[in-house]
PDB file of N, CA and C in Angstrom:
ATOM      1  N   MET A   1      97.883 116.902 113.305  1.00  0.00           N
ATOM      2  CA  MET A   1      96.630 117.622 113.281  1.00  0.00           C
ATOM      3  C   MET A   1      95.521 116.690 113.260  1.00  0.00           C
ATOM      4  N   LYS A   2      94.531 116.801 114.129  1.00  0.00           N
ATOM      5  CA  LYS A   2      93.343 115.890 114.083  1.00  0.00           C
ATOM      6  C   LYS A   2      92.320 116.408 113.244  1.00  0.00           C
ATOM      7  N   HIS A   3      91.695 115.546 112.348  1.00  0.00           N
ATOM      8  CA  HIS A   3      90.631 115.899 111.530  1.00  0.00           C
ATOM      9  C   HIS A   3      89.248 115.416 112.032  1.00  0.00           C
ATOM     10  N   PHE A   4      88.237 116.223 111.890  1.00  0.00           N
ATOM     11  CA  PHE A   4      86.817 115.858 112.106  1.00  0.00           C
ATOM     12  C   PHE A   4      86.432 114.883 110.971  1.00  0.00           C
ATOM     13  N   VAL A   5      85.895 113.697 111.356  1.00  0.00           N
ATOM     14  CA  VAL A   5      85.430 112.823 110.351  1.00  0.00           C
ATOM     15  C   VAL A   5      83.869 112.843 110.320  1.00  0.00           C
ATOM     16  N   PHE A   6      83.439 113.107 109.040  1.00  0.00           N
ATOM     17  CA  PHE A   6      81.884 113.223 108.901  1.00  0.00           C
ATOM     18  C   PHE A   6      81.559 112.154 107.812  1.00  0.00           C
ATOM     19  N   TRP A   7      80.532 111.491 108.141  1.00  0.00           N
ATOM     20  CA  TRP A   7      80.044 110.444 107.156  1.00  0.00           C
ATOM     21  C   TRP A   7      78.872 111.020 106.458  1.00  0.00           C
ATOM     22  N   ALA A   8      78.903 111.122 105.154  1.00  0.00           N
ATOM     23  CA  ALA A   8      77.850 111.686 104.280  1.00  0.00           C
ATOM     24  C   ALA A   8      76.638 110.629 104.614  1.00  0.00           C
ATOM     25  N   PRO A   9      75.433 111.180 104.608  1.00  0.00           N
ATOM     26  CA  PRO A   9      74.212 110.324 104.918  1.00  0.00           C
ATOM     27  C   PRO A   9      74.084 108.975 104.137  1.00  0.00           C
ATOM     28  N   GLU A  10      74.468 109.064 102.845  1.00  0.00           N
ATOM     29  CA  GLU A  10      74.392 107.841 101.958  1.00  0.00           C
ATOM     30  C   GLU A  10      75.460 106.886 102.440  1.00  0.00           C
ATOM     31  N   ALA A  11      76.624 107.351 102.800  1.00  0.00           N
ATOM     32  CA  ALA A  11      77.681 106.424 103.209  1.00  0.00           C
ATOM     33  C   ALA A  11      77.303 105.852 104.578  1.00  0.00           C
ATOM     34  N   ASP A  12      76.732 106.686 105.434  1.00  0.00           N
ATOM     35  CA  ASP A  12      76.355 106.159 106.794  1.00  0.00           C
ATOM     36  C   ASP A  12      75.274 105.095 106.574  1.00  0.00           C
ATOM     37  N   GLU A  13      74.368 105.263 105.694  1.00  0.00           N
ATOM     38  CA  GLU A  13      73.347 104.252 105.476  1.00  0.00           C
ATOM     39  C   GLU A  13      73.983 102.903 104.945  1.00  0.00           C
ATOM     40  N   ARG A  14      74.905 103.061 104.089  1.00  0.00           N
ATOM     41  CA  ARG A  14      75.609 101.894 103.542  1.00  0.00           C
ATOM     42  C   ARG A  14      76.333 101.129 104.719  1.00  0.00           C
ATOM     43  N   LEU A  15      77.008 102.008 105.519  1.00  0.00           N
ATOM     44  CA  LEU A  15      77.792 101.371 106.637  1.00  0.00           C
ATOM     45  C   LEU A  15      76.839 100.772 107.564  1.00  0.00           C
ATOM     46  N   GLN A  16      75.751 101.224 107.930  1.00  0.00           N
ATOM     47  CA  GLN A  16      74.740 100.590 108.784  1.00  0.00           C
ATOM     48  C   GLN A  16      74.332  99.192 108.217  1.00  0.00           C
ATOM     49  N   SER A  17      74.091  99.202 106.899  1.00  0.00           N
ATOM     50  CA  SER A  17      73.712  97.937 106.191  1.00  0.00           C
ATOM     51  C   SER A  17      74.809  96.902 106.306  1.00  0.00           C
ATOM     52  N   LEU A  18      76.014  97.372 106.077  1.00  0.00           N
ATOM     53  CA  LEU A  18      77.172  96.405 106.114  1.00  0.00           C
ATOM     54  C   LEU A  18      77.317  95.861 107.656  1.00  0.00           C
ATOM     55  N   VAL A  19      77.165  96.682 108.574  1.00  0.00           N
ATOM     56  CA  VAL A  19      77.324  96.225 109.920  1.00  0.00           C
ATOM     57  C   VAL A  19      76.306  95.339 110.286  1.00  0.00           C
ATOM     58  N   ARG A  20      74.937  95.522 109.900  1.00  0.00           N
ATOM     59  CA  ARG A  20      73.812  94.689 110.122  1.00  0.00           C
ATOM     60  C   ARG A  20      74.026  93.324 109.484  1.00  0.00           C
ATOM     61  N   GLY A  21      74.678  93.320 108.311  1.00  0.00           N
ATOM     62  CA  GLY A  21      74.918  92.138 107.510  1.00  0.00           C
ATOM     63  C   GLY A  21      76.211  91.410 107.747  1.00  0.00           C
ATOM     64  N   ASP A  22      76.927  91.930 108.739  1.00  0.00           N
ATOM     65  CA  ASP A  22      78.313  91.451 108.923  1.00  0.00           C
ATOM     66  C   ASP A  22      78.294  90.033 109.401  1.00  0.00           C
ATOM     67  N   GLU A  23      78.736  89.083 108.612  1.00  0.00           N
ATOM     68  CA  GLU A  23      78.698  87.683 108.939  1.00  0.00           C
ATOM     69  C   GLU A  23      80.149  87.211 109.208  1.00  0.00           C
ATOM     70  N   SER A  24      81.046  88.197 109.406  1.00  0.00           N
ATOM     71  CA  SER A  24      82.499  87.962 109.475  1.00  0.00           C
ATOM     72  C   SER A  24      83.091  88.068 110.905  1.00  0.00           C
ATOM     73  N   ASP A  25      82.226  87.821 111.966  1.00  0.00           N
ATOM     74  CA  ASP A  25      82.612  87.923 113.312  1.00  0.00           C
ATOM     75  C   ASP A  25      83.177  89.324 113.621  1.00  0.00           C
ATOM     76  N   GLY A  26      82.495  90.445 113.136  1.00  0.00           N
ATOM     77  CA  GLY A  26      82.872  91.672 113.573  1.00  0.00           C
ATOM     78  C   GLY A  26      83.922  92.249 112.740  1.00  0.00           C
ATOM     79  N   ARG A  27      84.355  91.719 111.745  1.00  0.00           N
ATOM     80  CA  ARG A  27      85.481  92.275 110.871  1.00  0.00           C
ATOM     81  C   ARG A  27      85.161  93.581 110.341  1.00  0.00           C
ATOM     82  N   VAL A  28      83.863  93.895 109.963  1.00  0.00           N
ATOM     83  CA  VAL A  28      83.448  95.124 109.418  1.00  0.00           C
ATOM     84  C   VAL A  28      83.620  96.285 110.469  1.00  0.00           C
ATOM     85  N   VAL A  29      83.231  95.974 111.675  1.00  0.00           N
ATOM     86  CA  VAL A  29      83.213  96.928 112.752  1.00  0.00           C
ATOM     87  C   VAL A  29      84.809  97.247 113.120  1.00  0.00           C
ATOM     88  N   ARG A  30      85.611  96.252 113.095  1.00  0.00           N
ATOM     89  CA  ARG A  30      87.014  96.425 113.410  1.00  0.00           C
ATOM     90  C   ARG A  30      87.687  97.248 112.256  1.00  0.00           C
ATOM     91  N   ALA A  31      87.277  96.923 111.026  1.00  0.00           N
ATOM     92  CA  ALA A  31      87.737  97.653 109.890  1.00  0.00           C
ATOM     93  C   ALA A  31      87.354  99.227 109.930  1.00  0.00           C
ATOM     94  N   VAL A  32      86.171  99.435 110.393  1.00  0.00           N
ATOM     95  CA  VAL A  32      85.609 100.806 110.343  1.00  0.00           C
ATOM     96  C   VAL A  32      86.372 101.522 111.475  1.00  0.00           C
ATOM     97  N   ARG A  33      86.580 100.953 112.638  1.00  0.00           N
ATOM     98  CA  ARG A  33      87.381 101.588 113.665  1.00  0.00           C
ATOM     99  C   ARG A  33      88.829 101.952 113.200  1.00  0.00           C
ATOM    100  N   GLU A  34      89.436 101.061 112.454  1.00  0.00           N
ATOM    101  CA  GLU A  34      90.777 101.278 111.978  1.00  0.00           C
ATOM    102  C   GLU A  34      90.732 102.469 110.925  1.00  0.00           C
ATOM    103  N   ILE A  35      89.748 102.479 110.051  1.00  0.00           N
ATOM    104  CA  ILE A  35      89.544 103.512 109.078  1.00  0.00           C
ATOM    105  C   ILE A  35      89.364 104.882 109.759  1.00  0.00           C
ATOM    106  N   ASP A  36      88.431 104.943 110.741  1.00  0.00           N
ATOM    107  CA  ASP A  36      88.170 106.147 111.519  1.00  0.00           C
ATOM    108  C   ASP A  36      89.495 106.702 112.127  1.00  0.00           C
ATOM    109  N   PHE A  37      90.289 105.777 112.660  1.00  0.00           N
ATOM    110  CA  PHE A  37      91.542 106.149 113.273  1.00  0.00           C
ATOM    111  C   PHE A  37      92.484 106.919 112.300  1.00  0.00           C
ATOM    112  N   TRP A  38      92.694 106.367 111.052  1.00  0.00           N
ATOM    113  CA  TRP A  38      93.466 106.865 110.130  1.00  0.00           C
ATOM    114  C   TRP A  38      92.832 108.188 109.601  1.00  0.00           C
ATOM    115  N   LEU A  39      91.597 108.233 109.363  1.00  0.00           N
ATOM    116  CA  LEU A  39      90.883 109.397 108.804  1.00  0.00           C
ATOM    117  C   LEU A  39      91.044 110.565 109.864  1.00  0.00           C
ATOM    118  N   ALA A  40      90.968 110.343 111.018  1.00  0.00           N
ATOM    119  CA  ALA A  40      91.045 111.417 112.049  1.00  0.00           C
ATOM    120  C   ALA A  40      92.478 111.853 112.219  1.00  0.00           C
ATOM    121  N   ARG A  41      93.432 110.988 112.035  1.00  0.00           N
ATOM    122  CA  ARG A  41      94.787 111.360 112.456  1.00  0.00           C
ATOM    123  C   ARG A  41      95.805 111.636 111.245  1.00  0.00           C
ATOM    124  N   ALA A  42      95.596 110.868 110.196  1.00  0.00           N
ATOM    125  CA  ALA A  42      96.524 111.046 109.151  1.00  0.00           C
ATOM    126  C   ALA A  42      95.846 110.725 107.742  1.00  0.00           C
ATOM    127  N   PRO A  43      94.786 111.441 107.373  1.00  0.00           N
ATOM    128  CA  PRO A  43      94.091 110.962 106.220  1.00  0.00           C
ATOM    129  C   PRO A  43      94.852 110.954 104.911  1.00  0.00           C
ATOM    130  N   LEU A  44      95.824 111.855 104.779  1.00  0.00           N
ATOM    131  CA  LEU A  44      96.635 111.928 103.559  1.00  0.00           C
ATOM    132  C   LEU A  44      97.721 110.775 103.462  1.00  0.00           C
ATOM    133  N   ASP A  45      97.878 110.008 104.635  1.00  0.00           N
ATOM    134  CA  ASP A  45      98.765 108.873 104.639  1.00  0.00           C
ATOM    135  C   ASP A  45      98.013 107.568 104.490  1.00  0.00           C
ATOM    136  N   PHE A  46      96.659 107.653 104.402  1.00  0.00           N
ATOM    137  CA  PHE A  46      95.792 106.449 104.271  1.00  0.00           C
ATOM    138  C   PHE A  46      95.322 106.311 102.764  1.00  0.00           C
ATOM    139  N   GLY A  47      95.444 105.228 102.205  1.00  0.00           N
ATOM    140  CA  GLY A  47      94.828 104.882 100.946  1.00  0.00           C
ATOM    141  C   GLY A  47      95.613 105.590  99.803  1.00  0.00           C
ATOM    142  N   GLU A  48      94.856 105.734  98.739  1.00  0.00           N
ATOM    143  CA  GLU A  48      95.492 106.263  97.399  1.00  0.00           C
ATOM    144  C   GLU A  48      94.688 107.416  96.951  1.00  0.00           C
ATOM    145  N   SER A  49      95.401 108.286  96.368  1.00  0.00           N
ATOM    146  CA  SER A  49      94.739 109.513  95.657  1.00  0.00           C
ATOM    147  C   SER A  49      93.962 109.060  94.458  1.00  0.00           C
ATOM    148  N   ARG A  50      92.856 109.680  94.251  1.00  0.00           N
ATOM    149  CA  ARG A  50      91.966 109.428  93.085  1.00  0.00           C
ATOM    150  C   ARG A  50      91.915 110.668  92.265  1.00  0.00           C
ATOM    151  N   TYR A  51      91.316 111.770  92.683  1.00  0.00           N
ATOM    152  CA  TYR A  51      91.324 113.011  91.952  1.00  0.00           C
ATOM    153  C   TYR A  51      91.161 114.167  92.967  1.00  0.00           C
ATOM    154  N   ASP A  52      91.667 115.376  92.664  1.00  0.00           N
ATOM    155  CA  ASP A  52      91.627 116.522  93.556  1.00  0.00           C
ATOM    156  C   ASP A  52      92.058 116.086  94.980  1.00  0.00           C
ATOM    157  N   THR A  53      91.085 116.278  95.859  1.00  0.00           N
ATOM    158  CA  THR A  53      91.375 115.877  97.346  1.00  0.00           C
ATOM    159  C   THR A  53      90.657 114.626  97.714  1.00  0.00           C
ATOM    160  N   VAL A  54      90.163 113.858  96.703  1.00  0.00           N
ATOM    161  CA  VAL A  54      89.479 112.624  97.010  1.00  0.00           C
ATOM    162  C   VAL A  54      90.392 111.400  97.011  1.00  0.00           C
ATOM    163  N   ARG A  55      90.262 110.537  97.998  1.00  0.00           N
ATOM    164  CA  ARG A  55      91.076 109.339  98.070  1.00  0.00           C
ATOM    165  C   ARG A  55      90.249 108.126  98.320  1.00  0.00           C
ATOM    166  N   VAL A  56      90.866 106.957  98.133  1.00  0.00           N
ATOM    167  CA  VAL A  56      90.176 105.688  98.448  1.00  0.00           C
ATOM    168  C   VAL A  56      91.173 104.897  99.379  1.00  0.00           C
ATOM    169  N   GLY A  57      90.566 104.354 100.389  1.00  0.00           N
ATOM    170  CA  GLY A  57      91.339 103.596 101.420  1.00  0.00           C
ATOM    171  C   GLY A  57      90.706 102.137 101.678  1.00  0.00           C
ATOM    172  N   PHE A  58      91.595 101.239 101.936  1.00  0.00           N
ATOM    173  CA  PHE A  58      91.046  99.852 102.092  1.00  0.00           C
ATOM    174  C   PHE A  58      91.465  99.206 103.439  1.00  0.00           C
ATOM    175  N   VAL A  59      90.674  98.653 104.118  1.00  0.00           N
ATOM    176  CA  VAL A  59      90.943  97.768 105.259  1.00  0.00           C
ATOM    177  C   VAL A  59      89.898  96.592 105.062  1.00  0.00           C
ATOM    178  N   THR A  60      90.472  95.472 104.676  1.00  0.00           N
ATOM    179  CA  THR A  60      89.671  94.343 104.528  1.00  0.00           C
ATOM    180  C   THR A  60      88.751  94.051 105.710  1.00  0.00           C
ATOM    181  N   PRO A  61      87.380  94.017 105.493  1.00  0.00           N
ATOM    182  CA  PRO A  61      86.689  93.652 104.234  1.00  0.00           C
ATOM    183  C   PRO A  61      86.016  94.842 103.583  1.00  0.00           C
ATOM    184  N   ILE A  62      86.383  96.155 103.868  1.00  0.00           N
ATOM    185  CA  ILE A  62      85.695  97.144 103.313  1.00  0.00           C
ATOM    186  C   ILE A  62      86.707  98.186 102.686  1.00  0.00           C
ATOM    187  N   ALA A  63      86.067  99.123 101.875  1.00  0.00           N
ATOM    188  CA  ALA A  63      86.799 100.200 101.252  1.00  0.00           C
ATOM    189  C   ALA A  63      86.047 101.513 101.503  1.00  0.00           C
ATOM    190  N   VAL A  64      86.588 102.589 101.453  1.00  0.00           N
ATOM    191  CA  VAL A  64      85.916 103.869 101.612  1.00  0.00           C
ATOM    192  C   VAL A  64      86.522 104.896 100.622  1.00  0.00           C
ATOM    193  N   GLN A  65      85.657 105.760 100.111  1.00  0.00           N
ATOM    194  CA  GLN A  65      85.987 106.871  99.333  1.00  0.00           C
ATOM    195  C   GLN A  65      85.861 108.148 100.212  1.00  0.00           C
ATOM    196  N   PHE A  66      86.790 108.934 100.279  1.00  0.00           N
ATOM    197  CA  PHE A  66      86.763 110.100 101.136  1.00  0.00           C
ATOM    198  C   PHE A  66      87.333 111.342 100.605  1.00  0.00           C
ATOM    199  N   ASP A  67      86.953 112.434 101.088  1.00  0.00           N
ATOM    200  CA  ASP A  67      87.464 113.697 100.686  1.00  0.00           C
ATOM    201  C   ASP A  67      88.175 114.412 101.790  1.00  0.00           C
ATOM    202  N   VAL A  68      89.311 114.974 101.658  1.00  0.00           N
ATOM    203  CA  VAL A  68      90.091 115.576 102.795  1.00  0.00           C
ATOM    204  C   VAL A  68      90.053 117.082 102.488  1.00  0.00           C
ATOM    205  N   LEU A  69      89.518 117.774 103.467  1.00  0.00           N
ATOM    206  CA  LEU A  69      89.481 119.244 103.433  1.00  0.00           C
ATOM    207  C   LEU A  69      90.501 119.828 104.406  1.00  0.00           C
ATOM    208  N   ALA A  70      91.170 121.003 103.974  1.00  0.00           N
ATOM    209  CA  ALA A  70      92.173 121.560 104.890  1.00  0.00           C
ATOM    210  C   ALA A  70      91.764 122.448 105.937  1.00  0.00           C
ATOM    211  N   ASP A  71      90.669 123.353 105.621  1.00  0.00           N
ATOM    212  CA  ASP A  71      90.320 124.409 106.517  1.00  0.00           C
ATOM    213  C   ASP A  71      88.810 124.488 106.639  1.00  0.00           C
ATOM    214  N   PRO A  72      88.278 124.018 107.711  1.00  0.00           N
ATOM    215  CA  PRO A  72      88.758 123.305 108.870  1.00  0.00           C
ATOM    216  C   PRO A  72      89.214 121.900 108.509  1.00  0.00           C
ATOM    217  N   PRO A  73      90.142 121.357 109.266  1.00  0.00           N
ATOM    218  CA  PRO A  73      90.520 119.924 108.902  1.00  0.00           C
ATOM    219  C   PRO A  73      89.440 118.907 109.092  1.00  0.00           C
ATOM    220  N   THR A  74      88.865 118.504 107.975  1.00  0.00           N
ATOM    221  CA  THR A  74      87.803 117.721 108.035  1.00  0.00           C
ATOM    222  C   THR A  74      87.834 116.598 106.884  1.00  0.00           C
ATOM    223  N   VAL A  75      87.353 115.473 107.202  1.00  0.00           N
ATOM    224  CA  VAL A  75      87.355 114.274 106.250  1.00  0.00           C
ATOM    225  C   VAL A  75      85.845 113.933 106.007  1.00  0.00           C
ATOM    226  N   ILE A  76      85.381 113.934 104.844  1.00  0.00           N
ATOM    227  CA  ILE A  76      84.083 113.542 104.486  1.00  0.00           C
ATOM    228  C   ILE A  76      84.047 112.228 103.823  1.00  0.00           C
ATOM    229  N   VAL A  77      83.468 111.108 104.479  1.00  0.00           N
ATOM    230  CA  VAL A  77      83.408 109.847 103.879  1.00  0.00           C
ATOM    231  C   VAL A  77      82.276 109.937 102.987  1.00  0.00           C
ATOM    232  N   LEU A  78      82.533 109.635 101.685  1.00  0.00           N
ATOM    233  CA  LEU A  78      81.581 109.647 100.617  1.00  0.00           C
ATOM    234  C   LEU A  78      80.858 108.424 100.241  1.00  0.00           C
ATOM    235  N   ASP A  79      81.584 107.332 100.481  1.00  0.00           N
ATOM    236  CA  ASP A  79      80.993 106.025 100.070  1.00  0.00           C
ATOM    237  C   ASP A  79      81.886 104.853 100.805  1.00  0.00           C
ATOM    238  N   ILE A  80      81.154 103.780 100.979  1.00  0.00           N
ATOM    239  CA  ILE A  80      81.866 102.568 101.626  1.00  0.00           C
ATOM    240  C   ILE A  80      81.212 101.440 100.835  1.00  0.00           C
ATOM    241  N   TRP A  81      82.063 100.438 100.656  1.00  0.00           N
ATOM    242  CA  TRP A  81      81.613  99.140 100.032  1.00  0.00           C
ATOM    243  C   TRP A  81      82.386  97.958 100.615  1.00  0.00           C
ATOM    244  N   GLN A  82      81.938  96.823 100.388  1.00  0.00           N
ATOM    245  CA  GLN A  82      82.555  95.623 100.810  1.00  0.00           C
ATOM    246  C   GLN A  82      83.461  95.111  99.675  1.00  0.00           C
ATOM    247  N   ILE A  83      84.745  94.631 100.008  1.00  0.00           N
ATOM    248  CA  ILE A  83      85.712  94.198  99.095  1.00  0.00           C
ATOM    249  C   ILE A  83      85.861  92.664  99.458  1.00  0.00           C
ATOM    250  N   GLY A  84      86.630  91.904  98.613  1.00  0.00           N
ATOM    251  CA  GLY A  84      86.972  90.615  98.714  1.00  0.00           C
ATOM    252  C   GLY A  84      86.436  89.862 100.034  1.00  0.00           C
ATOM    253  N   ARG A  85      85.812  88.757  99.764  1.00  0.00           N
ATOM    254  CA  ARG A  85      85.308  87.871 100.842  1.00  0.00           C
ATOM    255  C   ARG A  85      86.269  86.768 101.075  1.00  0.00           C
ATOM    256  N   GLY A  86      86.385  86.430 102.326  1.00  0.00           N
ATOM    257  CA  GLY A  86      87.284  85.338 102.623  1.00  0.00           C
ATOM    258  C   GLY A  86      87.775  85.389 104.025  1.00  0.00           C
TER     259      GLY A  86
END
Protein backbone atom coordinates (compact mmCIF):
# COMPACT_ATOMS: atom_id res chain seq x y z
CA MET A 1 0.00 0.00 0.00
CA LYS A 2 1.39 3.38 -0.95
CA HIS A 3 1.24 6.21 1.59
CA PHE A 4 0.90 9.91 0.86
CA VAL A 5 3.88 11.71 2.44
CA PHE A 6 3.20 15.18 3.84
CA TRP A 7 5.91 17.38 5.37
CA ALA A 8 4.65 19.59 8.20
CA PRO A 9 5.55 23.23 7.47
CA GLU A 10 8.14 23.39 10.27
CA ALA A 11 9.81 20.19 9.08
CA ASP A 12 9.81 21.44 5.50
CA GLU A 13 11.50 24.69 6.59
CA ARG A 14 14.19 22.72 8.44
CA LEU A 15 14.64 20.49 5.39
CA GLN A 16 15.14 23.49 3.11
CA SER A 17 17.71 24.90 5.55
CA LEU A 18 19.60 21.58 5.65
CA VAL A 19 19.62 21.35 1.85
CA ARG A 20 20.90 24.92 1.49
CA GLY A 21 23.66 24.22 4.02
CA ASP A 22 24.55 20.81 2.59
CA GLU A 23 28.34 20.73 2.49
CA SER A 24 28.46 16.96 2.05
CA ASP A 25 28.23 16.70 -1.74
CA GLY A 26 24.48 16.14 -1.85
CA ARG A 27 24.30 13.55 0.92
CA VAL A 28 21.30 15.32 2.49
CA VAL A 29 19.36 15.25 -0.78
CA ARG A 30 20.18 11.57 -1.34
CA ALA A 31 19.16 10.74 2.23
CA VAL A 32 15.84 12.59 1.85
CA ARG A 33 15.10 10.69 -1.35
CA GLU A 34 15.72 7.39 0.43
CA ILE A 35 13.59 8.46 3.39
CA ASP A 36 10.74 9.52 1.08
CA PHE A 37 10.97 6.14 -0.66
CA TRP A 38 10.56 4.27 2.64
CA LEU A 39 7.85 6.56 3.97
CA ALA A 40 5.75 6.19 0.83
CA ARG A 41 6.12 2.42 0.51
CA ALA A 42 6.75 0.87 3.92
CA PRO A 43 6.74 3.42 6.75
CA LEU A 44 6.21 0.82 9.46
CA ASP A 45 9.35 -1.02 8.31
CA PHE A 46 11.47 2.15 8.49
CA GLY A 47 13.06 3.38 11.69
CA GLU A 48 11.97 2.72 15.25
CA SER A 49 8.73 3.15 17.15
CA ARG A 50 8.64 5.98 19.69
CA TYR A 51 5.06 6.34 20.97
CA ASP A 52 1.59 5.64 19.58
CA THR A 53 2.00 5.90 15.79
CA VAL A 54 5.09 8.13 15.87
CA ARG A 55 8.41 6.74 14.63
CA VAL A 56 11.97 7.96 14.11
CA GLY A 57 14.05 6.98 11.08
CA PHE A 58 17.69 7.55 10.22
CA VAL A 59 19.58 7.80 6.95
CA THR A 60 22.97 9.43 7.50
CA PRO A 61 23.37 12.39 7.66
CA ILE A 62 19.76 13.08 8.73
CA ALA A 63 16.97 11.75 10.91
CA VAL A 64 13.22 12.30 10.76
CA GLN A 65 10.35 11.97 13.19
CA PHE A 66 7.11 10.96 11.51
CA ASP A 67 3.56 9.87 12.24
CA VAL A 68 1.93 7.00 10.32
CA LEU A 69 -1.83 7.27 9.80
CA ALA A 70 -3.87 4.32 8.54
CA ASP A 71 -6.94 5.89 6.91
CA PRO A 72 -6.20 7.41 4.55
CA PRO A 73 -2.67 5.95 4.36
CA THR A 74 -0.62 9.02 5.16
CA VAL A 75 2.76 9.80 6.70
CA ILE A 76 3.33 13.20 8.28
CA VAL A 77 6.97 14.19 8.70
CA LEU A 78 7.04 16.14 11.95
CA ASP A 79 10.73 16.97 12.30
CA ILE A 80 14.10 16.56 10.61
CA TRP A 81 17.60 17.09 11.94
CA GLN A 82 21.19 16.43 11.07
CA ILE A 83 23.01 13.56 12.77
CA GLY A 84 26.69 12.58 13.01
CA ARG A 85 29.07 14.44 10.78
CA GLY A 86 31.76 12.68 8.88
